[in-house]
Amino acid sequence: MTQGNLFIRLRSICERPQMYSPQFSLEHLFLFIHGYESALMDSGKPGQHARFEEWLYSDHLDWRHSSMWWGKHIFEACGSDLDRTLGEIIRLLEQFLSSEGAEFAVSTGT
């Protein structure tokens, strides 16, 4: 089955945010994630983001019931520095892909 890989795309966005928007903000990442997930569901494929969220929330229990999304929590923890935040997201994605998300570590499609 050919299926896109959200995590490879997120890494690409975090590595080169200006390529995706000259005025890139964390909200762009949020919108991309939810748009990507909607497209997967519309095509009858399972979502991927919830797996990452569950993994992330297992280490950050207080984030689970917060009104802020996980990216904003990371942004605050990084002193509201977008570059540091994107680097931290990359680090977390790599950690996820080497553990609970290993099945997503290799792209199976475009």
PDB file of N, CA and C in Angstrom:
ATOM      1  N   MET A   1       0.849  -1.186   0.000  1.00  0.00           N
ATOM      2  CA  MET A   1       0.000   0.000   0.000  1.00  0.00           C
ATOM      3  C   MET A   1       0.884   1.235   0.000  1.00  0.00           C
ATOM      4  N   THR A   2       0.645   2.152  -0.906  1.00  0.00           N
ATOM      5  CA  THR A   2       1.390   3.402  -0.953  1.00  0.00           C
ATOM      6  C   THR A   2       0.673   4.424  -0.095  1.00  0.00           C
ATOM      7  N   GLN A   3       1.411   4.972   0.833  1.00  0.00           N
ATOM      8  CA  GLN A   3       0.841   5.970   1.736  1.00  0.00           C
ATOM      9  C   GLN A   3       1.895   7.018   2.019  1.00  0.00           C
ATOM     10  N   GLY A   4       1.492   8.273   2.044  1.00  0.00           N
ATOM     11  CA  GLY A   4       2.416   9.334   2.382  1.00  0.00           C
ATOM     12  C   GLY A   4       2.870   9.213   3.820  1.00  0.00           C
ATOM     13  N   ASN A   5       3.890   9.960   4.150  1.00  0.00           N
ATOM     14  CA  ASN A   5       4.458   9.909   5.479  1.00  0.00           C
ATOM     15  C   ASN A   5       4.494  11.313   6.070  1.00  0.00           C
ATOM     16  N   LEU A   6       3.621  11.565   7.013  1.00  0.00           N
ATOM     17  CA  LEU A   6       3.521  12.861   7.670  1.00  0.00           C
ATOM     18  C   LEU A   6       4.841  13.276   8.296  1.00  0.00           C
ATOM     19  N   PHE A   7       5.545  12.361   8.907  1.00  0.00           N
ATOM     20  CA  PHE A   7       6.717  12.695   9.699  1.00  0.00           C
ATOM     21  C   PHE A   7       7.901  13.130   8.842  1.00  0.00           C
ATOM     22  N   ILE A   8       8.060  12.509   7.687  1.00  0.00           N
ATOM     23  CA  ILE A   8       9.106  12.939   6.770  1.00  0.00           C
ATOM     24  C   ILE A   8       8.799  14.354   6.267  1.00  0.00           C
ATOM     25  N   ARG A   9       7.541  14.624   6.007  1.00  0.00           N
ATOM     26  CA  ARG A   9       7.162  15.957   5.556  1.00  0.00           C
ATOM     27  C   ARG A   9       7.337  17.000   6.658  1.00  0.00           C
ATOM     28  N   LEU A  10       6.983  16.635   7.885  1.00  0.00           N
ATOM     29  CA  LEU A  10       7.176  17.575   8.999  1.00  0.00           C
ATOM     30  C   LEU A  10       8.654  17.919   9.170  1.00  0.00           C
ATOM     31  N   ARG A  11       9.500  16.912   9.073  1.00  0.00           N
ATOM     32  CA  ARG A  11      10.936  17.160   9.187  1.00  0.00           C
ATOM     33  C   ARG A  11      11.396  18.124   8.093  1.00  0.00           C
ATOM     34  N   SER A  12      10.938  17.895   6.878  1.00  0.00           N
ATOM     35  CA  SER A  12      11.309  18.764   5.764  1.00  0.00           C
ATOM     36  C   SER A  12      10.872  20.211   6.013  1.00  0.00           C
ATOM     37  N   ILE A  13       9.673  20.383   6.504  1.00  0.00           N
ATOM     38  CA  ILE A  13       9.169  21.726   6.813  1.00  0.00           C
ATOM     39  C   ILE A  13      10.004  22.366   7.911  1.00  0.00           C
ATOM     40  N   CYS A  14      10.301  21.614   8.964  1.00  0.00           N
ATOM     41  CA  CYS A  14      11.081  22.163  10.085  1.00  0.00           C
ATOM     42  C   CYS A  14      12.504  22.503   9.673  1.00  0.00           C
ATOM     43  N   GLU A  15      13.063  21.761   8.727  1.00  0.00           N
ATOM     44  CA  GLU A  15      14.420  22.033   8.263  1.00  0.00           C
ATOM     45  C   GLU A  15      14.486  23.265   7.363  1.00  0.00           C
ATOM     46  N   ARG A  16      13.443  23.500   6.570  1.00  0.00           N
ATOM     47  CA  ARG A  16      13.441  24.603   5.603  1.00  0.00           C
ATOM     48  C   ARG A  16      12.102  25.346   5.627  1.00  0.00           C
ATOM     49  N   PRO A  17      11.758  25.955   6.743  1.00  0.00           N
ATOM     50  CA  PRO A  17      10.432  26.573   6.861  1.00  0.00           C
ATOM     51  C   PRO A  17      10.176  27.693   5.845  1.00  0.00           C
ATOM     52  N   GLN A  18      11.209  28.436   5.482  1.00  0.00           N
ATOM     53  CA  GLN A  18      11.020  29.540   4.535  1.00  0.00           C
ATOM     54  C   GLN A  18      10.668  29.045   3.134  1.00  0.00           C
ATOM     55  N   MET A  19      10.978  27.806   2.848  1.00  0.00           N
ATOM     56  CA  MET A  19      10.616  27.221   1.559  1.00  0.00           C
ATOM     57  C   MET A  19       9.096  27.050   1.456  1.00  0.00           C
ATOM     58  N   TYR A  20       8.446  26.894   2.596  1.00  0.00           N
ATOM     59  CA  TYR A  20       7.012  26.665   2.627  1.00  0.00           C
ATOM     60  C   TYR A  20       6.216  27.949   2.802  1.00  0.00           C
ATOM     61  N   SER A  21       6.833  28.932   3.446  1.00  0.00           N
ATOM     62  CA  SER A  21       6.191  30.227   3.624  1.00  0.00           C
ATOM     63  C   SER A  21       7.266  31.247   3.998  1.00  0.00           C
ATOM     64  N   PRO A  22       7.328  32.346   3.277  1.00  0.00           N
ATOM     65  CA  PRO A  22       8.344  33.360   3.603  1.00  0.00           C
ATOM     66  C   PRO A  22       8.144  33.961   4.995  1.00  0.00           C
ATOM     67  N   GLN A  23       6.953  33.890   5.511  1.00  0.00           N
ATOM     68  CA  GLN A  23       6.633  34.405   6.838  1.00  0.00           C
ATOM     69  C   GLN A  23       6.210  33.247   7.742  1.00  0.00           C
ATOM     70  N   PHE A  24       6.980  32.165   7.695  1.00  0.00           N
ATOM     71  CA  PHE A  24       6.614  30.942   8.400  1.00  0.00           C
ATOM     72  C   PHE A  24       6.427  31.187   9.891  1.00  0.00           C
ATOM     73  N   SER A  25       5.365  30.571  10.409  1.00  0.00           N
ATOM     74  CA  SER A  25       5.107  30.607  11.852  1.00  0.00           C
ATOM     75  C   SER A  25       4.698  29.195  12.273  1.00  0.00           C
ATOM     76  N   LEU A  26       4.655  28.988  13.547  1.00  0.00           N
ATOM     77  CA  LEU A  26       4.270  27.678  14.072  1.00  0.00           C
ATOM     78  C   LEU A  26       2.850  27.304  13.654  1.00  0.00           C
ATOM     79  N   GLU A  27       2.014  28.297  13.444  1.00  0.00           N
ATOM     80  CA  GLU A  27       0.643  28.029  13.008  1.00  0.00           C
ATOM     81  C   GLU A  27       0.618  27.368  11.635  1.00  0.00           C
ATOM     82  N   HIS A  28       1.596  27.686  10.777  1.00  0.00           N
ATOM     83  CA  HIS A  28       1.678  27.020   9.477  1.00  0.00           C
ATOM     84  C   HIS A  28       1.866  25.509   9.662  1.00  0.00           C
ATOM     85  N   LEU A  29       2.704  25.134  10.606  1.00  0.00           N
ATOM     86  CA  LEU A  29       2.936  23.719  10.874  1.00  0.00           C
ATOM     87  C   LEU A  29       1.657  23.057  11.383  1.00  0.00           C
ATOM     88  N   PHE A  30       0.968  23.726  12.279  1.00  0.00           N
ATOM     89  CA  PHE A  30      -0.296  23.230  12.816  1.00  0.00           C
ATOM     90  C   PHE A  30      -1.299  22.994  11.680  1.00  0.00           C
ATOM     91  N   LEU A  31      -1.441  23.965  10.801  1.00  0.00           N
ATOM     92  CA  LEU A  31      -2.387  23.838   9.685  1.00  0.00           C
ATOM     93  C   LEU A  31      -1.977  22.724   8.730  1.00  0.00           C
ATOM     94  N   PHE A  32      -0.673  22.591   8.476  1.00  0.00           N
ATOM     95  CA  PHE A  32      -0.212  21.521   7.601  1.00  0.00           C
ATOM     96  C   PHE A  32      -0.570  20.154   8.186  1.00  0.00           C
ATOM     97  N   ILE A  33      -0.288  19.964   9.466  1.00  0.00           N
ATOM     98  CA  ILE A  33      -0.565  18.678  10.121  1.00  0.00           C
ATOM     99  C   ILE A  33      -2.038  18.315   9.969  1.00  0.00           C
ATOM    100  N   HIS A  34      -2.908  19.252  10.261  1.00  0.00           N
ATOM    101  CA  HIS A  34      -4.335  18.950  10.214  1.00  0.00           C
ATOM    102  C   HIS A  34      -4.852  18.804   8.787  1.00  0.00           C
ATOM    103  N   GLY A  35      -4.286  19.543   7.861  1.00  0.00           N
ATOM    104  CA  GLY A  35      -4.655  19.369   6.456  1.00  0.00           C
ATOM    105  C   GLY A  35      -4.205  18.014   5.931  1.00  0.00           C
ATOM    106  N   TYR A  36      -3.005  17.616   6.301  1.00  0.00           N
ATOM    107  CA  TYR A  36      -2.473  16.323   5.874  1.00  0.00           C
ATOM    108  C   TYR A  36      -3.319  15.181   6.436  1.00  0.00           C
ATOM    109  N   GLU A  37      -3.658  15.280   7.709  1.00  0.00           N
ATOM    110  CA  GLU A  37      -4.483  14.260   8.344  1.00  0.00           C
ATOM    111  C   GLU A  37      -5.870  14.189   7.700  1.00  0.00           C
ATOM    112  N   SER A  38      -6.439  15.330   7.373  1.00  0.00           N
ATOM    113  CA  SER A  38      -7.750  15.351   6.708  1.00  0.00           C
ATOM    114  C   SER A  38      -7.675  14.677   5.345  1.00  0.00           C
ATOM    115  N   ALA A  39      -6.594  14.944   4.615  1.00  0.00           N
ATOM    116  CA  ALA A  39      -6.430  14.327   3.295  1.00  0.00           C
ATOM    117  C   ALA A  39      -6.297  12.808   3.415  1.00  0.00           C
ATOM    118  N   LEU A  40      -5.555  12.346   4.420  1.00  0.00           N
ATOM    119  CA  LEU A  40      -5.446  10.894   4.632  1.00  0.00           C
ATOM    120  C   LEU A  40      -6.825  10.289   4.898  1.00  0.00           C
ATOM    121  N   MET A  41      -7.561  10.911   5.801  1.00  0.00           N
ATOM    122  CA  MET A  41      -8.884  10.384   6.146  1.00  0.00           C
ATOM    123  C   MET A  41      -9.832  10.433   4.956  1.00  0.00           C
ATOM    124  N   ASP A  42      -9.792  11.528   4.176  1.00  0.00           N
ATOM    125  CA  ASP A  42     -10.646  11.640   2.994  1.00  0.00           C
ATOM    126  C   ASP A  42     -10.357  10.546   1.973  1.00  0.00           C
ATOM    127  N   SER A  43      -9.109  10.091   1.939  1.00  0.00           N
ATOM    128  CA  SER A  43      -8.752   9.042   0.980  1.00  0.00           C
ATOM    129  C   SER A  43      -8.892   7.640   1.582  1.00  0.00           C
ATOM    130  N   GLY A  44      -9.460   7.572   2.790  1.00  0.00           N
ATOM    131  CA  GLY A  44      -9.711   6.286   3.422  1.00  0.00           C
ATOM    132  C   GLY A  44      -8.493   5.654   4.077  1.00  0.00           C
ATOM    133  N   LYS A  45      -7.434   6.444   4.274  1.00  0.00           N
ATOM    134  CA  LYS A  45      -6.221   5.933   4.908  1.00  0.00           C
ATOM    135  C   LYS A  45      -6.187   6.354   6.373  1.00  0.00           C
ATOM    136  N   PRO A  46      -5.549   5.567   7.210  1.00  0.00           N
ATOM    137  CA  PRO A  46      -5.499   5.915   8.631  1.00  0.00           C
ATOM    138  C   PRO A  46      -4.620   7.134   8.891  1.00  0.00           C
ATOM    139  N   GLY A  47      -5.017   7.905   9.881  1.00  0.00           N
ATOM    140  CA  GLY A  47      -4.223   9.056  10.291  1.00  0.00           C
ATOM    141  C   GLY A  47      -2.926   8.621  10.944  1.00  0.00           C
ATOM    142  N   GLN A  48      -1.978   9.540  11.032  1.00  0.00           N
ATOM    143  CA  GLN A  48      -0.672   9.242  11.605  1.00  0.00           C
ATOM    144  C   GLN A  48      -0.368  10.124  12.813  1.00  0.00           C
ATOM    145  N   HIS A  49      -0.907  11.314  12.835  1.00  0.00           N
ATOM    146  CA  HIS A  49      -0.581  12.298  13.863  1.00  0.00           C
ATOM    147  C   HIS A  49      -0.949  11.844  15.272  1.00  0.00           C
ATOM    148  N   ALA A  50      -2.066  11.161  15.415  1.00  0.00           N
ATOM    149  CA  ALA A  50      -2.511  10.727  16.744  1.00  0.00           C
ATOM    150  C   ALA A  50      -1.486   9.810  17.404  1.00  0.00           C
ATOM    151  N   ARG A  51      -0.805   8.993  16.610  1.00  0.00           N
ATOM    152  CA  ARG A  51       0.244   8.117  17.169  1.00  0.00           C
ATOM    153  C   ARG A  51       1.375   8.941  17.770  1.00  0.00           C
ATOM    154  N   PHE A  52       1.777   9.999  17.071  1.00  0.00           N
ATOM    155  CA  PHE A  52       2.840  10.869  17.579  1.00  0.00           C
ATOM    156  C   PHE A  52       2.367  11.603  18.828  1.00  0.00           C
ATOM    157  N   GLU A  53       1.142  12.104  18.788  1.00  0.00           N
ATOM    158  CA  GLU A  53       0.597  12.805  19.957  1.00  0.00           C
ATOM    159  C   GLU A  53       0.560  11.899  21.188  1.00  0.00           C
ATOM    160  N   GLU A  54       0.095  10.683  21.020  1.00  0.00           N
ATOM    161  CA  GLU A  54       0.042   9.753  22.154  1.00  0.00           C
ATOM    162  C   GLU A  54       1.435   9.508  22.726  1.00  0.00           C
ATOM    163  N   TRP A  55       2.388   9.299  21.838  1.00  0.00           N
ATOM    164  CA  TRP A  55       3.767   9.093  22.275  1.00  0.00           C
ATOM    165  C   TRP A  55       4.287  10.326  23.017  1.00  0.00           C
ATOM    166  N   LEU A  56       4.045  11.499  22.454  1.00  0.00           N
ATOM    167  CA  LEU A  56       4.509  12.744  23.056  1.00  0.00           C
ATOM    168  C   LEU A  56       3.838  13.003  24.400  1.00  0.00           C
ATOM    169  N   TYR A  57       2.538  12.780  24.470  1.00  0.00           N
ATOM    170  CA  TYR A  57       1.799  13.032  25.702  1.00  0.00           C
ATOM    171  C   TYR A  57       2.145  12.035  26.807  1.00  0.00           C
ATOM    172  N   SER A  58       2.692  10.887  26.451  1.00  0.00           N
ATOM    173  CA  SER A  58       3.105   9.944  27.489  1.00  0.00           C
ATOM    174  C   SER A  58       4.251  10.512  28.328  1.00  0.00           C
ATOM    175  N   ASP A  59       5.028  11.418  27.749  1.00  0.00           N
ATOM    176  CA  ASP A  59       6.109  12.096  28.487  1.00  0.00           C
ATOM    177  C   ASP A  59       5.683  13.450  29.040  1.00  0.00           C
ATOM    178  N   HIS A  60       4.612  13.993  28.523  1.00  0.00           N
ATOM    179  CA  HIS A  60       4.147  15.335  28.920  1.00  0.00           C
ATOM    180  C   HIS A  60       2.654  15.267  29.244  1.00  0.00           C
ATOM    181  N   LEU A  61       2.342  14.633  30.339  1.00  0.00           N
ATOM    182  CA  LEU A  61       0.944  14.399  30.702  1.00  0.00           C
ATOM    183  C   LEU A  61       0.134  15.688  30.807  1.00  0.00           C
ATOM    184  N   ASP A  62       0.750  16.773  31.274  1.00  0.00           N
ATOM    185  CA  ASP A  62       0.032  18.034  31.437  1.00  0.00           C
ATOM    186  C   ASP A  62      -0.380  18.646  30.101  1.00  0.00           C
ATOM    187  N   TRP A  63       0.301  18.304  29.016  1.00  0.00           N
ATOM    188  CA  TRP A  63      -0.048  18.831  27.701  1.00  0.00           C
ATOM    189  C   TRP A  63      -1.335  18.216  27.167  1.00  0.00           C
ATOM    190  N   ARG A  64      -1.626  17.002  27.567  1.00  0.00           N
ATOM    191  CA  ARG A  64      -2.780  16.270  27.027  1.00  0.00           C
ATOM    192  C   ARG A  64      -4.094  17.033  27.220  1.00  0.00           C
ATOM    193  N   HIS A  65      -4.256  17.669  28.353  1.00  0.00           N
ATOM    194  CA  HIS A  65      -5.528  18.339  28.660  1.00  0.00           C
ATOM    195  C   HIS A  65      -5.440  19.855  28.529  1.00  0.00           C
ATOM    196  N   SER A  66      -4.369  20.327  27.943  1.00  0.00           N
ATOM    197  CA  SER A  66      -4.185  21.761  27.743  1.00  0.00           C
ATOM    198  C   SER A  66      -4.961  22.219  26.512  1.00  0.00           C
ATOM    199  N   SER A  67      -5.334  23.472  26.495  1.00  0.00           N
ATOM    200  CA  SER A  67      -6.006  24.026  25.318  1.00  0.00           C
ATOM    201  C   SER A  67      -4.996  24.361  24.210  1.00  0.00           C
ATOM    202  N   MET A  68      -3.700  24.353  24.541  1.00  0.00           N
ATOM    203  CA  MET A  68      -2.666  24.603  23.530  1.00  0.00           C
ATOM    204  C   MET A  68      -2.242  23.297  22.880  1.00  0.00           C
ATOM    205  N   TRP A  69      -1.903  23.364  21.613  1.00  0.00           N
ATOM    206  CA  TRP A  69      -1.401  22.173  20.939  1.00  0.00           C
ATOM    207  C   TRP A  69       0.069  21.963  21.322  1.00  0.00           C
ATOM    208  N   TRP A  70       0.565  20.750  21.130  1.00  0.00           N
ATOM    209  CA  TRP A  70       1.904  20.393  21.590  1.00  0.00           C
ATOM    210  C   TRP A  70       2.999  21.294  21.028  1.00  0.00           C
ATOM    211  N   GLY A  71       2.865  21.758  19.812  1.00  0.00           N
ATOM    212  CA  GLY A  71       3.877  22.626  19.213  1.00  0.00           C
ATOM    213  C   GLY A  71       4.036  23.932  19.969  1.00  0.00           C
ATOM    214  N   LYS A  72       2.941  24.470  20.445  1.00  0.00           N
ATOM    215  CA  LYS A  72       2.981  25.712  21.218  1.00  0.00           C
ATOM    216  C   LYS A  72       3.661  25.487  22.569  1.00  0.00           C
ATOM    217  N   HIS A  73       3.465  24.328  23.164  1.00  0.00           N
ATOM    218  CA  HIS A  73       4.155  24.003  24.419  1.00  0.00           C
ATOM    219  C   HIS A  73       5.668  23.958  24.186  1.00  0.00           C
ATOM    220  N   ILE A  74       6.073  23.347  23.088  1.00  0.00           N
ATOM    221  CA  ILE A  74       7.497  23.284  22.769  1.00  0.00           C
ATOM    222  C   ILE A  74       8.034  24.688  22.523  1.00  0.00           C
ATOM    223  N   PHE A  75       7.272  25.512  21.816  1.00  0.00           N
ATOM    224  CA  PHE A  75       7.644  26.894  21.534  1.00  0.00           C
ATOM    225  C   PHE A  75       7.896  27.659  22.835  1.00  0.00           C
ATOM    226  N   GLU A  76       6.999  27.521  23.781  1.00  0.00           N
ATOM    227  CA  GLU A  76       7.173  28.189  25.080  1.00  0.00           C
ATOM    228  C   GLU A  76       8.402  27.660  25.810  1.00  0.00           C
ATOM    229  N   ALA A  77       8.615  26.341  25.776  1.00  0.00           N
ATOM    230  CA  ALA A  77       9.771  25.743  26.440  1.00  0.00           C
ATOM    231  C   ALA A  77      11.090  26.194  25.800  1.00  0.00           C
ATOM    232  N   CYS A  78      11.028  26.590  24.542  1.00  0.00           N
ATOM    233  CA  CYS A  78      12.212  27.058  23.814  1.00  0.00           C
ATOM    234  C   CYS A  78      12.332  28.582  23.848  1.00  0.00           C
ATOM    235  N   GLY A  79      11.668  29.214  24.802  1.00  0.00           N
ATOM    236  CA  GLY A  79      11.770  30.663  24.955  1.00  0.00           C
ATOM    237  C   GLY A  79      11.180  31.448  23.799  1.00  0.00           C
ATOM    238  N   SER A  80      10.170  30.895  23.154  1.00  0.00           N
ATOM    239  CA  SER A  80       9.500  31.525  22.011  1.00  0.00           C
ATOM    240  C   SER A  80      10.447  31.775  20.834  1.00  0.00           C
ATOM    241  N   ASP A  81      11.463  30.934  20.722  1.00  0.00           N
ATOM    242  CA  ASP A  81      12.426  30.999  19.617  1.00  0.00           C
ATOM    243  C   ASP A  81      12.006  29.962  18.578  1.00  0.00           C
ATOM    244  N   LEU A  82      11.561  30.418  17.416  1.00  0.00           N
ATOM    245  CA  LEU A  82      11.029  29.511  16.394  1.00  0.00           C
ATOM    246  C   LEU A  82      12.086  28.533  15.901  1.00  0.00           C
ATOM    247  N   ASP A  83      13.307  29.008  15.657  1.00  0.00           N
ATOM    248  CA  ASP A  83      14.356  28.108  15.174  1.00  0.00           C
ATOM    249  C   ASP A  83      14.657  27.003  16.182  1.00  0.00           C
ATOM    250  N   ARG A  84      14.758  27.345  17.443  1.00  0.00           N
ATOM    251  CA  ARG A  84      14.989  26.341  18.487  1.00  0.00           C
ATOM    252  C   ARG A  84      13.816  25.374  18.561  1.00  0.00           C
ATOM    253  N   THR A  85      12.607  25.908  18.429  1.00  0.00           N
ATOM    254  CA  THR A  85      11.405  25.067  18.468  1.00  0.00           C
ATOM    255  C   THR A  85      11.408  24.059  17.336  1.00  0.00           C
ATOM    256  N   LEU A  86      11.716  24.509  16.128  1.00  0.00           N
ATOM    257  CA  LEU A  86      11.733  23.601  14.983  1.00  0.00           C
ATOM    258  C   LEU A  86      12.822  22.545  15.148  1.00  0.00           C
ATOM    259  N   GLY A  87      13.963  22.932  15.699  1.00  0.00           N
ATOM    260  CA  GLY A  87      15.018  21.961  15.992  1.00  0.00           C
ATOM    261  C   GLY A  87      14.572  20.929  17.012  1.00  0.00           C
ATOM    262  N   GLU A  88      13.852  21.371  18.027  1.00  0.00           N
ATOM    263  CA  GLU A  88      13.344  20.457  19.050  1.00  0.00           C
ATOM    264  C   GLU A  88      12.282  19.523  18.464  1.00  0.00           C
ATOM    265  N   ILE A  89      11.459  20.025  17.576  1.00  0.00           N
ATOM    266  CA  ILE A  89      10.456  19.169  16.930  1.00  0.00           C
ATOM    267  C   ILE A  89      11.161  18.093  16.105  1.00  0.00           C
ATOM    268  N   ILE A  90      12.212  18.477  15.382  1.00  0.00           N
ATOM    269  CA  ILE A  90      12.979  17.495  14.613  1.00  0.00           C
ATOM    270  C   ILE A  90      13.542  16.428  15.548  1.00  0.00           C
ATOM    271  N   ARG A  91      14.104  16.856  16.678  1.00  0.00           N
ATOM    272  CA  ARG A  91      14.668  15.911  17.639  1.00  0.00           C
ATOM    273  C   ARG A  91      13.590  14.936  18.136  1.00  0.00           C
ATOM    274  N   LEU A  92      12.416  15.465  18.443  1.00  0.00           N
ATOM    275  CA  LEU A  92      11.314  14.615  18.916  1.00  0.00           C
ATOM    276  C   LEU A  92      10.821  13.670  17.828  1.00  0.00           C
ATOM    277  N   LEU A  93      10.739  14.155  16.599  1.00  0.00           N
ATOM    278  CA  LEU A  93      10.336  13.289  15.491  1.00  0.00           C
ATOM    279  C   LEU A  93      11.320  12.140  15.323  1.00  0.00           C
ATOM    280  N   GLU A  94      12.614  12.441  15.392  1.00  0.00           N
ATOM    281  CA  GLU A  94      13.628  11.389  15.264  1.00  0.00           C
ATOM    282  C   GLU A  94      13.511  10.380  16.396  1.00  0.00           C
ATOM    283  N   GLN A  95      13.269  10.869  17.594  1.00  0.00           N
ATOM    284  CA  GLN A  95      13.114   9.980  18.749  1.00  0.00           C
ATOM    285  C   GLN A  95      11.884   9.083  18.562  1.00  0.00           C
ATOM    286  N   PHE A  96      10.786   9.668  18.112  1.00  0.00           N
ATOM    287  CA  PHE A  96       9.563   8.912  17.856  1.00  0.00           C
ATOM    288  C   PHE A  96       9.796   7.847  16.785  1.00  0.00           C
ATOM    289  N   LEU A  97      10.447   8.243  15.695  1.00  0.00           N
ATOM    290  CA  LEU A  97      10.670   7.324  14.582  1.00  0.00           C
ATOM    291  C   LEU A  97      11.637   6.199  14.937  1.00  0.00           C
ATOM    292  N   SER A  98      12.453   6.406  15.955  1.00  0.00           N
ATOM    293  CA  SER A  98      13.370   5.343  16.368  1.00  0.00           C
ATOM    294  C   SER A  98      12.772   4.479  17.477  1.00  0.00           C
ATOM    295  N   SER A  99      11.538   4.772  17.859  1.00  0.00           N
ATOM    296  CA  SER A  99      10.890   3.976  18.906  1.00  0.00           C
ATOM    297  C   SER A  99       9.480   3.591  18.464  1.00  0.00           C
ATOM    298  N   GLU A 100       8.485   4.187  19.077  1.00  0.00           N
ATOM    299  CA  GLU A 100       7.078   3.849  18.816  1.00  0.00           C
ATOM    300  C   GLU A 100       6.659   4.018  17.352  1.00  0.00           C
ATOM    301  N   GLY A 101       7.275   4.956  16.651  1.00  0.00           N
ATOM    302  CA  GLY A 101       6.877   5.229  15.276  1.00  0.00           C
ATOM    303  C   GLY A 101       7.782   4.622  14.240  1.00  0.00           C
ATOM    304  N   ALA A 102       8.487   3.557  14.592  1.00  0.00           N
ATOM    305  CA  ALA A 102       9.466   2.941  13.680  1.00  0.00           C
ATOM    306  C   ALA A 102       8.860   2.555  12.340  1.00  0.00           C
ATOM    307  N   GLU A 103       7.599   2.199  12.323  1.00  0.00           N
ATOM    308  CA  GLU A 103       6.961   1.818  11.049  1.00  0.00           C
ATOM    309  C   GLU A 103       6.891   2.976  10.055  1.00  0.00           C
ATOM    310  N   PHE A 104       7.008   4.208  10.563  1.00  0.00           N
ATOM    311  CA  PHE A 104       6.976   5.388   9.702  1.00  0.00           C
ATOM    312  C   PHE A 104       8.367   5.894   9.336  1.00  0.00           C
ATOM    313  N   ALA A 105       9.412   5.216   9.812  1.00  0.00           N
ATOM    314  CA  ALA A 105      10.778   5.702   9.633  1.00  0.00           C
ATOM    315  C   ALA A 105      11.212   5.725   8.172  1.00  0.00           C
ATOM    316  N   VAL A 106      10.615   4.893   7.345  1.00  0.00           N
ATOM    317  CA  VAL A 106      10.943   4.865   5.932  1.00  0.00           C
ATOM    318  C   VAL A 106       9.691   5.255   5.169  1.00  0.00           C
ATOM    319  N   SER A 107       9.825   6.211   4.298  1.00  0.00           N
ATOM    320  CA  SER A 107       8.682   6.638   3.497  1.00  0.00           C
ATOM    321  C   SER A 107       8.244   5.505   2.586  1.00  0.00           C
ATOM    322  N   THR A 108       6.936   5.285   2.534  1.00  0.00           N
ATOM    323  CA  THR A 108       6.392   4.257   1.639  1.00  0.00           C
ATOM    324  C   THR A 108       5.730   4.857   0.426  1.00  0.00           C
ATOM    325  N   GLY A 109       5.900   6.139   0.239  1.00  0.00           N
ATOM    326  CA  GLY A 109       5.290   6.792  -0.906  1.00  0.00           C
ATOM    327  C   GLY A 109       5.562   8.275  -0.853  1.00  0.00           C
ATOM    328  N   THR A 110       4.941   8.986  -1.775  1.00  0.00           N
ATOM    329  CA  THR A 110       5.136  10.433  -1.841  1.00  0.00           C
ATOM    330  C   THR A 110       3.945  11.170  -1.315  1.00  0.00           C
TER     331      THR A 110
END
